[in-house]
N, C-alpha and C. Protein backbone atom coordinates (compact mmCIF):
# COMPACT_ATOMS: atom_id res chain seq x y z
N UNK A 1 -7.08 -19.01 -18.43
CA UNK A 1 -6.58 -18.90 -17.06
C UNK A 1 -7.68 -18.35 -16.17
N UNK A 2 -7.74 -18.85 -14.96
CA UNK A 2 -8.78 -18.44 -14.02
C UNK A 2 -8.48 -17.10 -13.35
N UNK A 3 -7.21 -16.77 -13.12
CA UNK A 3 -6.84 -15.53 -12.43
C UNK A 3 -6.92 -14.38 -13.42
N UNK A 4 -7.55 -13.28 -13.01
CA UNK A 4 -7.73 -12.14 -13.89
C UNK A 4 -6.79 -10.98 -13.58
N UNK A 5 -6.57 -10.68 -12.29
CA UNK A 5 -5.74 -9.55 -11.91
C UNK A 5 -5.48 -9.63 -10.41
N UNK A 6 -4.57 -8.82 -9.93
CA UNK A 6 -4.40 -8.70 -8.48
C UNK A 6 -5.63 -7.96 -7.95
N UNK A 7 -6.24 -8.47 -6.91
CA UNK A 7 -7.45 -7.88 -6.35
C UNK A 7 -7.11 -6.80 -5.31
N UNK A 8 -6.24 -7.13 -4.37
CA UNK A 8 -5.84 -6.17 -3.34
C UNK A 8 -4.61 -6.72 -2.63
N UNK A 9 -3.99 -5.88 -1.84
CA UNK A 9 -2.98 -6.38 -0.91
C UNK A 9 -3.30 -5.82 0.46
N UNK A 10 -2.96 -6.62 1.48
CA UNK A 10 -3.27 -6.26 2.87
C UNK A 10 -1.99 -6.00 3.63
N UNK A 11 -2.06 -5.01 4.50
CA UNK A 11 -0.92 -4.66 5.33
C UNK A 11 -1.35 -4.75 6.78
N UNK A 12 -0.65 -5.55 7.54
CA UNK A 12 -0.86 -5.69 8.97
C UNK A 12 0.06 -4.67 9.63
N UNK A 13 -0.52 -3.66 10.26
CA UNK A 13 0.29 -2.56 10.75
C UNK A 13 0.04 -2.27 12.22
N UNK A 14 1.08 -1.86 12.92
CA UNK A 14 0.95 -1.43 14.32
C UNK A 14 0.55 0.04 14.41
N UNK A 15 0.69 0.79 13.31
CA UNK A 15 0.34 2.22 13.32
C UNK A 15 -0.64 2.48 12.18
N UNK A 16 -1.88 2.17 12.45
CA UNK A 16 -2.94 2.23 11.45
C UNK A 16 -3.11 3.63 10.86
N UNK A 17 -3.09 4.64 11.70
CA UNK A 17 -3.31 6.01 11.21
C UNK A 17 -2.14 6.50 10.35
N UNK A 18 -0.94 6.13 10.72
CA UNK A 18 0.23 6.53 9.92
C UNK A 18 0.15 5.88 8.53
N UNK A 19 -0.24 4.62 8.49
CA UNK A 19 -0.38 3.95 7.19
C UNK A 19 -1.52 4.54 6.38
N UNK A 20 -2.64 4.86 7.02
CA UNK A 20 -3.77 5.48 6.32
C UNK A 20 -3.33 6.81 5.70
N UNK A 21 -2.61 7.61 6.48
CA UNK A 21 -2.10 8.89 5.99
C UNK A 21 -1.22 8.69 4.75
N UNK A 22 -0.31 7.75 4.80
CA UNK A 22 0.59 7.50 3.68
C UNK A 22 -0.20 7.14 2.42
N UNK A 23 -1.09 6.17 2.53
CA UNK A 23 -1.80 5.68 1.34
C UNK A 23 -2.85 6.67 0.81
N UNK A 24 -3.39 7.52 1.66
CA UNK A 24 -4.37 8.50 1.17
C UNK A 24 -3.69 9.80 0.77
N UNK A 25 -2.87 10.37 1.63
CA UNK A 25 -2.29 11.68 1.38
C UNK A 25 -1.09 11.67 0.45
N UNK A 26 -0.33 10.57 0.43
CA UNK A 26 0.85 10.50 -0.44
C UNK A 26 0.52 9.74 -1.73
N UNK A 27 0.03 8.51 -1.60
CA UNK A 27 -0.26 7.70 -2.78
C UNK A 27 -1.50 8.23 -3.51
N UNK A 28 -2.50 8.71 -2.76
CA UNK A 28 -3.69 9.29 -3.39
C UNK A 28 -4.91 8.38 -3.44
N UNK A 29 -4.90 7.29 -2.67
CA UNK A 29 -6.08 6.43 -2.61
C UNK A 29 -7.15 7.10 -1.74
N UNK A 30 -8.37 6.61 -1.83
CA UNK A 30 -9.49 7.17 -1.07
C UNK A 30 -10.06 6.13 -0.13
N UNK A 31 -10.42 6.57 1.08
CA UNK A 31 -11.10 5.67 2.02
C UNK A 31 -12.48 5.33 1.48
N UNK A 32 -12.90 4.09 1.73
CA UNK A 32 -14.22 3.68 1.28
C UNK A 32 -14.81 2.64 2.21
N UNK A 33 -15.96 2.08 1.82
CA UNK A 33 -16.66 1.11 2.67
C UNK A 33 -15.78 -0.09 3.01
N UNK A 34 -16.00 -0.60 4.23
CA UNK A 34 -15.28 -1.77 4.74
C UNK A 34 -16.24 -2.55 5.61
N UNK A 35 -16.23 -3.88 5.52
CA UNK A 35 -17.10 -4.69 6.39
C UNK A 35 -16.75 -4.46 7.86
N UNK A 36 -17.70 -4.72 8.76
CA UNK A 36 -17.48 -4.49 10.21
C UNK A 36 -16.73 -5.65 10.87
N UNK A 37 -15.45 -5.77 10.57
CA UNK A 37 -14.62 -6.80 11.18
C UNK A 37 -14.41 -6.51 12.66
N UNK A 38 -13.90 -7.51 13.42
CA UNK A 38 -13.62 -7.35 14.85
C UNK A 38 -12.28 -6.65 15.11
N UNK A 39 -11.62 -6.19 14.10
CA UNK A 39 -10.35 -5.49 14.26
C UNK A 39 -10.43 -4.22 13.43
N UNK A 40 -9.69 -3.18 13.83
CA UNK A 40 -9.75 -1.92 13.10
C UNK A 40 -9.03 -2.01 11.76
N UNK A 41 -9.41 -1.13 10.87
CA UNK A 41 -8.74 -1.11 9.58
C UNK A 41 -9.42 -0.15 8.62
N UNK A 42 -8.87 -0.10 7.43
CA UNK A 42 -9.41 0.72 6.36
C UNK A 42 -9.31 -0.06 5.06
N UNK A 43 -10.27 0.16 4.18
CA UNK A 43 -10.15 -0.27 2.80
C UNK A 43 -9.94 1.00 1.99
N UNK A 44 -8.88 1.01 1.20
CA UNK A 44 -8.50 2.19 0.44
C UNK A 44 -8.66 1.88 -1.05
N UNK A 45 -9.34 2.80 -1.71
CA UNK A 45 -9.82 2.57 -3.07
C UNK A 45 -9.06 3.34 -4.12
N UNK A 46 -8.88 2.70 -5.28
CA UNK A 46 -8.46 3.33 -6.52
C UNK A 46 -9.70 3.25 -7.42
N UNK A 47 -10.40 4.37 -7.56
CA UNK A 47 -11.67 4.34 -8.28
C UNK A 47 -12.67 3.50 -7.49
N UNK A 48 -13.22 2.47 -8.13
CA UNK A 48 -14.22 1.64 -7.46
C UNK A 48 -13.63 0.40 -6.78
N UNK A 49 -12.32 0.23 -6.85
CA UNK A 49 -11.68 -0.98 -6.34
C UNK A 49 -10.94 -0.73 -5.02
N UNK A 50 -11.24 -1.52 -3.97
CA UNK A 50 -10.49 -1.40 -2.71
C UNK A 50 -9.18 -2.20 -2.82
N UNK A 51 -8.13 -1.55 -3.28
CA UNK A 51 -6.90 -2.27 -3.60
C UNK A 51 -5.94 -2.43 -2.43
N UNK A 52 -6.08 -1.60 -1.39
CA UNK A 52 -5.23 -1.74 -0.20
C UNK A 52 -6.13 -1.92 1.01
N UNK A 53 -5.89 -3.01 1.74
CA UNK A 53 -6.60 -3.26 2.99
C UNK A 53 -5.61 -3.07 4.13
N UNK A 54 -5.85 -2.07 4.97
CA UNK A 54 -5.01 -1.86 6.15
C UNK A 54 -5.67 -2.57 7.31
N UNK A 55 -4.88 -3.36 8.03
CA UNK A 55 -5.39 -4.14 9.16
C UNK A 55 -4.63 -3.76 10.42
N UNK A 56 -5.36 -3.33 11.44
CA UNK A 56 -4.76 -2.97 12.72
C UNK A 56 -5.14 -3.97 13.79
N UNK A 57 -4.64 -3.74 14.96
CA UNK A 57 -4.91 -4.64 16.09
C UNK A 57 -5.94 -4.00 17.02
N UNK A 58 -6.84 -4.81 17.52
CA UNK A 58 -7.81 -4.38 18.51
C UNK A 58 -7.11 -4.44 19.87
N UNK A 59 -6.85 -3.29 20.48
CA UNK A 59 -6.08 -3.23 21.73
C UNK A 59 -6.71 -4.05 22.84
N UNK A 60 -8.04 -4.11 22.87
CA UNK A 60 -8.73 -4.88 23.92
C UNK A 60 -8.80 -6.36 23.59
N UNK A 61 -8.74 -6.70 22.31
CA UNK A 61 -8.87 -8.09 21.87
C UNK A 61 -7.84 -8.35 20.77
N UNK A 62 -6.57 -8.38 21.14
CA UNK A 62 -5.49 -8.46 20.15
C UNK A 62 -5.56 -9.69 19.26
N UNK A 63 -6.20 -10.75 19.68
CA UNK A 63 -6.24 -11.97 18.88
C UNK A 63 -7.26 -11.93 17.75
N UNK A 64 -8.08 -10.88 17.66
CA UNK A 64 -9.13 -10.88 16.65
C UNK A 64 -8.59 -10.82 15.23
N UNK A 65 -7.52 -10.08 14.99
CA UNK A 65 -6.94 -10.03 13.66
C UNK A 65 -6.37 -11.39 13.28
N UNK A 66 -5.59 -12.00 14.17
CA UNK A 66 -5.02 -13.31 13.90
C UNK A 66 -6.12 -14.35 13.68
N UNK A 67 -7.21 -14.26 14.43
CA UNK A 67 -8.30 -15.22 14.28
C UNK A 67 -8.93 -15.09 12.89
N UNK A 68 -8.95 -13.89 12.34
CA UNK A 68 -9.59 -13.69 11.04
C UNK A 68 -8.68 -14.05 9.87
N UNK A 69 -7.44 -13.59 9.90
CA UNK A 69 -6.54 -13.81 8.74
C UNK A 69 -5.39 -14.76 9.02
N UNK A 70 -5.27 -15.24 10.24
CA UNK A 70 -4.18 -16.15 10.58
C UNK A 70 -3.03 -15.42 11.25
N UNK A 71 -2.32 -16.14 12.08
CA UNK A 71 -1.19 -15.55 12.79
C UNK A 71 -0.02 -15.37 11.84
N UNK A 72 0.67 -14.28 12.01
CA UNK A 72 1.86 -14.01 11.18
C UNK A 72 2.92 -13.41 12.08
N UNK A 73 4.08 -14.02 12.04
CA UNK A 73 5.20 -13.50 12.81
C UNK A 73 5.95 -12.48 11.96
N UNK A 74 6.49 -11.43 12.58
CA UNK A 74 7.25 -10.44 11.80
C UNK A 74 8.46 -11.09 11.13
N UNK A 75 8.87 -10.56 9.99
CA UNK A 75 10.05 -11.05 9.29
C UNK A 75 11.27 -10.81 10.16
N UNK A 76 12.18 -11.78 10.20
CA UNK A 76 13.39 -11.58 10.98
C UNK A 76 14.22 -10.49 10.33
N UNK A 77 14.72 -9.58 11.13
CA UNK A 77 15.52 -8.48 10.62
C UNK A 77 14.67 -7.36 10.04
N UNK A 78 13.36 -7.37 10.29
CA UNK A 78 12.48 -6.32 9.76
C UNK A 78 12.12 -6.58 8.32
N UNK A 79 11.60 -5.58 7.66
CA UNK A 79 11.23 -5.72 6.26
C UNK A 79 9.92 -6.46 6.09
N UNK A 80 9.68 -6.91 4.88
CA UNK A 80 8.40 -7.53 4.55
C UNK A 80 8.53 -8.99 4.15
N UNK A 81 9.56 -9.66 4.63
CA UNK A 81 9.72 -11.07 4.31
C UNK A 81 10.06 -11.26 2.84
N UNK A 82 9.43 -12.25 2.20
CA UNK A 82 9.72 -12.58 0.82
C UNK A 82 9.13 -11.58 -0.18
N UNK A 83 8.14 -10.81 0.23
CA UNK A 83 7.54 -9.83 -0.68
C UNK A 83 8.50 -8.68 -0.89
N UNK A 84 8.87 -8.43 -2.14
CA UNK A 84 9.82 -7.37 -2.44
C UNK A 84 9.13 -6.03 -2.63
N UNK A 85 8.11 -5.97 -3.49
CA UNK A 85 7.41 -4.72 -3.72
C UNK A 85 6.06 -4.98 -4.37
N UNK A 86 5.23 -3.95 -4.35
CA UNK A 86 3.94 -3.97 -5.03
C UNK A 86 3.98 -2.87 -6.07
N UNK A 87 3.54 -3.18 -7.30
CA UNK A 87 3.55 -2.19 -8.38
C UNK A 87 2.13 -1.78 -8.72
N UNK A 88 1.94 -0.47 -8.87
CA UNK A 88 0.67 0.11 -9.26
C UNK A 88 0.86 0.90 -10.54
N UNK A 89 -0.19 1.03 -11.33
CA UNK A 89 -0.14 1.87 -12.52
C UNK A 89 -0.67 3.25 -12.16
N UNK A 90 0.03 4.29 -12.58
CA UNK A 90 -0.37 5.65 -12.27
C UNK A 90 -0.59 6.47 -13.53
N UNK A 91 -1.22 7.64 -13.38
CA UNK A 91 -1.49 8.50 -14.53
C UNK A 91 -0.99 9.93 -14.36
N UNK A 92 -0.53 10.31 -13.17
CA UNK A 92 -0.10 11.70 -12.96
C UNK A 92 1.14 11.73 -12.07
N UNK A 93 2.29 11.50 -12.71
CA UNK A 93 3.55 11.43 -11.96
C UNK A 93 3.86 12.73 -11.24
N UNK A 94 3.60 13.86 -11.86
CA UNK A 94 3.89 15.15 -11.23
C UNK A 94 3.09 15.33 -9.94
N UNK A 95 1.84 14.88 -9.93
CA UNK A 95 1.02 14.99 -8.72
C UNK A 95 1.58 14.11 -7.60
N UNK A 96 2.00 12.88 -7.93
CA UNK A 96 2.58 12.01 -6.92
C UNK A 96 3.85 12.62 -6.34
N UNK A 97 4.73 13.10 -7.20
CA UNK A 97 5.98 13.69 -6.73
C UNK A 97 5.70 14.93 -5.87
N UNK A 98 4.72 15.71 -6.25
CA UNK A 98 4.32 16.86 -5.43
C UNK A 98 3.86 16.44 -4.04
N UNK A 99 3.07 15.36 -3.96
CA UNK A 99 2.60 14.88 -2.65
C UNK A 99 3.77 14.32 -1.84
N UNK A 100 4.71 13.63 -2.50
CA UNK A 100 5.90 13.11 -1.80
C UNK A 100 6.69 14.26 -1.19
N UNK A 101 6.90 15.30 -1.96
CA UNK A 101 7.65 16.45 -1.45
C UNK A 101 6.90 17.14 -0.31
N UNK A 102 5.60 17.33 -0.48
CA UNK A 102 4.79 17.99 0.56
C UNK A 102 4.86 17.23 1.88
N UNK A 103 4.81 15.90 1.82
CA UNK A 103 4.79 15.08 3.03
C UNK A 103 6.17 14.54 3.39
N UNK A 104 7.21 15.04 2.70
CA UNK A 104 8.61 14.67 2.97
C UNK A 104 8.82 13.15 2.92
N UNK A 105 8.30 12.55 1.85
CA UNK A 105 8.48 11.12 1.62
C UNK A 105 9.53 10.95 0.53
N UNK A 106 10.59 10.22 0.85
CA UNK A 106 11.66 9.98 -0.12
C UNK A 106 11.16 9.09 -1.25
N UNK A 107 11.64 9.33 -2.46
CA UNK A 107 11.28 8.51 -3.61
C UNK A 107 12.47 8.44 -4.56
N UNK A 108 12.44 7.42 -5.41
CA UNK A 108 13.45 7.26 -6.46
C UNK A 108 12.70 7.14 -7.78
N UNK A 109 13.20 7.81 -8.78
CA UNK A 109 12.59 7.75 -10.10
C UNK A 109 13.55 7.04 -11.05
N UNK A 110 13.01 6.11 -11.85
CA UNK A 110 13.84 5.35 -12.79
C UNK A 110 13.13 5.26 -14.13
N UNK A 111 13.90 5.40 -15.21
CA UNK A 111 13.39 5.16 -16.56
C UNK A 111 13.74 3.73 -16.93
N UNK A 112 12.79 3.00 -17.48
CA UNK A 112 13.04 1.64 -17.92
C UNK A 112 13.66 1.71 -19.32
N UNK A 113 14.85 1.10 -19.50
CA UNK A 113 15.53 1.18 -20.80
C UNK A 113 14.67 0.65 -21.94
N UNK A 114 14.75 1.31 -23.07
CA UNK A 114 14.08 0.92 -24.30
C UNK A 114 12.57 0.74 -24.13
N UNK A 115 11.97 1.61 -23.33
CA UNK A 115 10.51 1.56 -23.17
C UNK A 115 10.01 2.97 -22.87
N UNK A 116 8.71 3.11 -22.82
CA UNK A 116 8.11 4.40 -22.48
C UNK A 116 7.62 4.41 -21.03
N UNK A 117 8.29 3.64 -20.19
CA UNK A 117 7.86 3.47 -18.81
C UNK A 117 8.82 4.18 -17.85
N UNK A 118 8.24 4.97 -16.95
CA UNK A 118 8.99 5.57 -15.85
C UNK A 118 8.43 5.00 -14.56
N UNK A 119 9.31 4.66 -13.65
CA UNK A 119 8.91 4.07 -12.37
C UNK A 119 9.28 5.02 -11.24
N UNK A 120 8.39 5.12 -10.25
CA UNK A 120 8.68 5.87 -9.03
C UNK A 120 8.57 4.87 -7.89
N UNK A 121 9.63 4.79 -7.08
CA UNK A 121 9.68 3.87 -5.95
C UNK A 121 9.66 4.65 -4.64
N UNK A 122 8.87 4.20 -3.67
CA UNK A 122 8.86 4.78 -2.33
C UNK A 122 8.50 3.68 -1.35
N UNK A 123 8.72 3.94 -0.07
CA UNK A 123 8.43 2.95 0.96
C UNK A 123 7.28 3.41 1.82
N UNK A 124 6.39 2.45 2.15
CA UNK A 124 5.30 2.78 3.06
C UNK A 124 5.82 2.73 4.49
N UNK A 125 5.01 3.14 5.46
CA UNK A 125 5.49 3.19 6.86
C UNK A 125 5.90 1.84 7.44
N UNK A 126 5.45 0.73 6.85
CA UNK A 126 5.82 -0.59 7.35
C UNK A 126 6.97 -1.21 6.58
N UNK A 127 7.62 -0.44 5.70
CA UNK A 127 8.80 -0.91 5.00
C UNK A 127 8.53 -1.57 3.66
N UNK A 128 7.29 -1.60 3.20
CA UNK A 128 6.97 -2.20 1.91
C UNK A 128 7.29 -1.21 0.80
N UNK A 129 8.03 -1.65 -0.20
CA UNK A 129 8.33 -0.80 -1.34
C UNK A 129 7.14 -0.77 -2.28
N UNK A 130 6.74 0.44 -2.65
CA UNK A 130 5.66 0.66 -3.60
C UNK A 130 6.28 1.21 -4.88
N UNK A 131 5.98 0.57 -5.99
CA UNK A 131 6.43 1.03 -7.30
C UNK A 131 5.21 1.54 -8.04
N UNK A 132 5.30 2.75 -8.57
CA UNK A 132 4.20 3.27 -9.38
C UNK A 132 4.73 3.52 -10.78
N UNK A 133 4.07 2.90 -11.76
CA UNK A 133 4.50 2.95 -13.15
C UNK A 133 3.70 3.98 -13.93
N UNK A 134 4.42 4.77 -14.70
CA UNK A 134 3.81 5.79 -15.54
C UNK A 134 4.26 5.56 -16.97
N UNK A 135 3.31 5.43 -17.88
CA UNK A 135 3.62 5.26 -19.30
C UNK A 135 3.49 6.60 -20.00
N UNK A 136 4.46 6.91 -20.84
CA UNK A 136 4.37 8.14 -21.64
C UNK A 136 4.01 7.74 -23.06
N UNK A 137 3.36 8.66 -23.77
CA UNK A 137 2.92 8.30 -25.15
C UNK A 137 4.08 8.05 -26.08
């Protein structure tokens, strides 16, 4: 098979700083290098990989984001359209829960039946559900 893994996901957001705060301060990703696009944004890294690309709008040139990635209309009724959630693998569930509590971010914890997997679900500022999976020995 040619596909190896998910490379990244991009979020088109009206509140770039709020989304940056969520993904860095709550999820624990780190800001890193990003090409000089004509629209504002951040690339957020897990180790050496920029797995979340935040894309904002250039207030003076609002069409620059659409020109680069294509026009997208908001999902009717809000939400994220057909995308249900994004799942990430984590290694320190207690640290994530501590950051959620510190920043008053609601989360749900679920044990997967007949497995050693615990899932933590939370929503980002744009309504996307993030699932973080933790495996126990």
